[in-house]
Amino acid sequence: MSKPHAPDRITRRAQQQIRQWRAGHIHARRTYRDGYLTLRVTPHWRLLSRDNGRHWELLSHADYNNQI
C-alpha cells in the first residue's frame, strides 16, 4: 500500500482513511482525466486508486502530481 519512505504515522492515517472510505464515512474524489479515486491523507500525502478502490497507493503530493 505505501512506499518505504512514508512515516509510520502517515501510513496509519492512510489506513484509517481507507477504513472510513469503505464504511462510507468519507467520499473519495475522482481525477478528471482518468477517473482515479483519490483521498487526501495530509496536505503532503495522498492515496490513489486506479481500480475503483480495490488497491490503494500512498503517494507524496509531488509523486501524486506526477501520476495523474
C-alpha atoms as a PDB file:
ATOM      1  CA  MET A   1       0.000   0.000   0.000  1.00  0.00           C
ATOM      2  CA  SER A   2       2.722   2.506   0.778  1.00  0.00           C
ATOM      3  CA  LYS A   3       6.156   3.481  -0.378  1.00  0.00           C
ATOM      4  CA  PRO A   4       9.008   2.685   2.027  1.00  0.00           C
ATOM      5  CA  HIS A   5       9.726   6.340   2.797  1.00  0.00           C
ATOM      6  CA  ALA A   6       6.302   7.135   4.233  1.00  0.00           C
ATOM      7  CA  PRO A   7       6.476   7.759   8.005  1.00  0.00           C
ATOM      8  CA  ASP A   8       4.585   5.317  10.231  1.00  0.00           C
ATOM      9  CA  ARG A   9       2.102   7.952  11.390  1.00  0.00           C
ATOM     10  CA  ILE A  10       1.234   8.750   7.763  1.00  0.00           C
ATOM     11  CA  THR A  11       0.796   5.052   6.946  1.00  0.00           C
ATOM     12  CA  ARG A  12      -1.511   4.604   9.953  1.00  0.00           C
ATOM     13  CA  ARG A  13      -3.555   7.633   8.978  1.00  0.00           C
ATOM     14  CA  ALA A  14      -3.815   6.359   5.394  1.00  0.00           C
ATOM     15  CA  GLN A  15      -5.116   3.006   6.634  1.00  0.00           C
ATOM     16  CA  GLN A  16      -7.662   4.868   8.764  1.00  0.00           C
ATOM     17  CA  GLN A  17      -8.776   6.893   5.721  1.00  0.00           C
ATOM     18  CA  ILE A  18      -9.299   3.699   3.704  1.00  0.00           C
ATOM     19  CA  ARG A  19     -11.375   2.154   6.518  1.00  0.00           C
ATOM     20  CA  GLN A  20     -13.510   5.297   6.746  1.00  0.00           C
ATOM     21  CA  TRP A  21     -13.991   5.347   2.959  1.00  0.00           C
ATOM     22  CA  ARG A  22     -15.022   1.672   2.895  1.00  0.00           C
ATOM     23  CA  ALA A  23     -17.505   2.324   5.724  1.00  0.00           C
ATOM     24  CA  GLY A  24     -18.999   5.219   3.754  1.00  0.00           C
ATOM     25  CA  HIS A  25     -17.994   7.912   6.252  1.00  0.00           C
ATOM     26  CA  ILE A  26     -15.883   9.876   3.755  1.00  0.00           C
ATOM     27  CA  HIS A  27     -16.034  10.244  -0.015  1.00  0.00           C
ATOM     28  CA  ALA A  28     -13.150   9.954  -2.440  1.00  0.00           C
ATOM     29  CA  ARG A  29     -12.671  12.402  -5.275  1.00  0.00           C
ATOM     30  CA  ARG A  30     -12.260  11.312  -8.879  1.00  0.00           C
ATOM     31  CA  THR A  31      -9.498  12.662 -11.073  1.00  0.00           C
ATOM     32  CA  TYR A  32     -10.780  14.498 -14.105  1.00  0.00           C
ATOM     33  CA  ARG A  33      -8.820  12.806 -16.875  1.00  0.00           C
ATOM     34  CA  ASP A  34      -8.563   9.162 -15.811  1.00  0.00           C
ATOM     35  CA  GLY A  35     -11.293   8.832 -13.184  1.00  0.00           C
ATOM     36  CA  TYR A  36      -8.936   7.543 -10.475  1.00  0.00           C
ATOM     37  CA  LEU A  37     -10.113   7.706  -6.866  1.00  0.00           C
ATOM     38  CA  THR A  38      -8.118   9.928  -4.524  1.00  0.00           C
ATOM     39  CA  LEU A  39      -8.172  10.517  -0.783  1.00  0.00           C
ATOM     40  CA  ARG A  40      -6.265  13.290   0.958  1.00  0.00           C
ATOM     41  CA  VAL A  41      -4.313  11.941   3.931  1.00  0.00           C
ATOM     42  CA  THR A  42      -2.475  15.158   4.871  1.00  0.00           C
ATOM     43  CA  PRO A  43      -1.534  18.250   2.870  1.00  0.00           C
ATOM     44  CA  HIS A  44       1.615  16.381   1.749  1.00  0.00           C
ATOM     45  CA  TRP A  45       0.295  12.823   1.226  1.00  0.00           C
ATOM     46  CA  ARG A  46      -2.431  11.323  -0.987  1.00  0.00           C
ATOM     47  CA  LEU A  47      -3.988   7.921  -1.546  1.00  0.00           C
ATOM     48  CA  LEU A  48      -4.578   6.947  -5.178  1.00  0.00           C
ATOM     49  CA  SER A  49      -6.622   4.031  -6.506  1.00  0.00           C
ATOM     50  CA  ARG A  50      -6.603   3.162 -10.191  1.00  0.00           C
ATOM     51  CA  ASP A  51      -9.091   0.274  -9.804  1.00  0.00           C
ATOM     52  CA  ASN A  52     -12.108   1.831  -8.068  1.00  0.00           C
ATOM     53  CA  GLY A  53     -10.833   1.261  -4.536  1.00  0.00           C
ATOM     54  CA  ARG A  54      -9.610  -2.336  -4.622  1.00  0.00           C
ATOM     55  CA  HIS A  55      -5.961  -1.315  -4.207  1.00  0.00           C
ATOM     56  CA  TRP A  56      -4.627   1.958  -2.832  1.00  0.00           C
ATOM     57  CA  GLU A  57      -1.210   3.545  -3.257  1.00  0.00           C
ATOM     58  CA  LEU A  58       0.160   6.057  -0.757  1.00  0.00           C
ATOM     59  CA  LEU A  59       1.991   8.846  -2.575  1.00  0.00           C
ATOM     60  CA  SER A  60       3.678  12.056  -1.578  1.00  0.00           C
ATOM     61  CA  HIS A  61       1.979  15.098  -3.053  1.00  0.00           C
ATOM     62  CA  ALA A  62       4.803  15.506  -5.608  1.00  0.00           C
ATOM     63  CA  ASP A  63       4.587  11.838  -6.702  1.00  0.00           C
ATOM     64  CA  TYR A  64       0.795  12.112  -6.829  1.00  0.00           C
ATOM     65  CA  ASN A  65       1.020  15.109  -9.153  1.00  0.00           C
ATOM     66  CA  ASN A  66       3.338  13.141 -11.459  1.00  0.00           C
ATOM     67  CA  GLN A  67       0.939  10.159 -11.532  1.00  0.00           C
ATOM     68  CA  ILE A  68      -2.222  11.991 -12.513  1.00  0.00           C
END
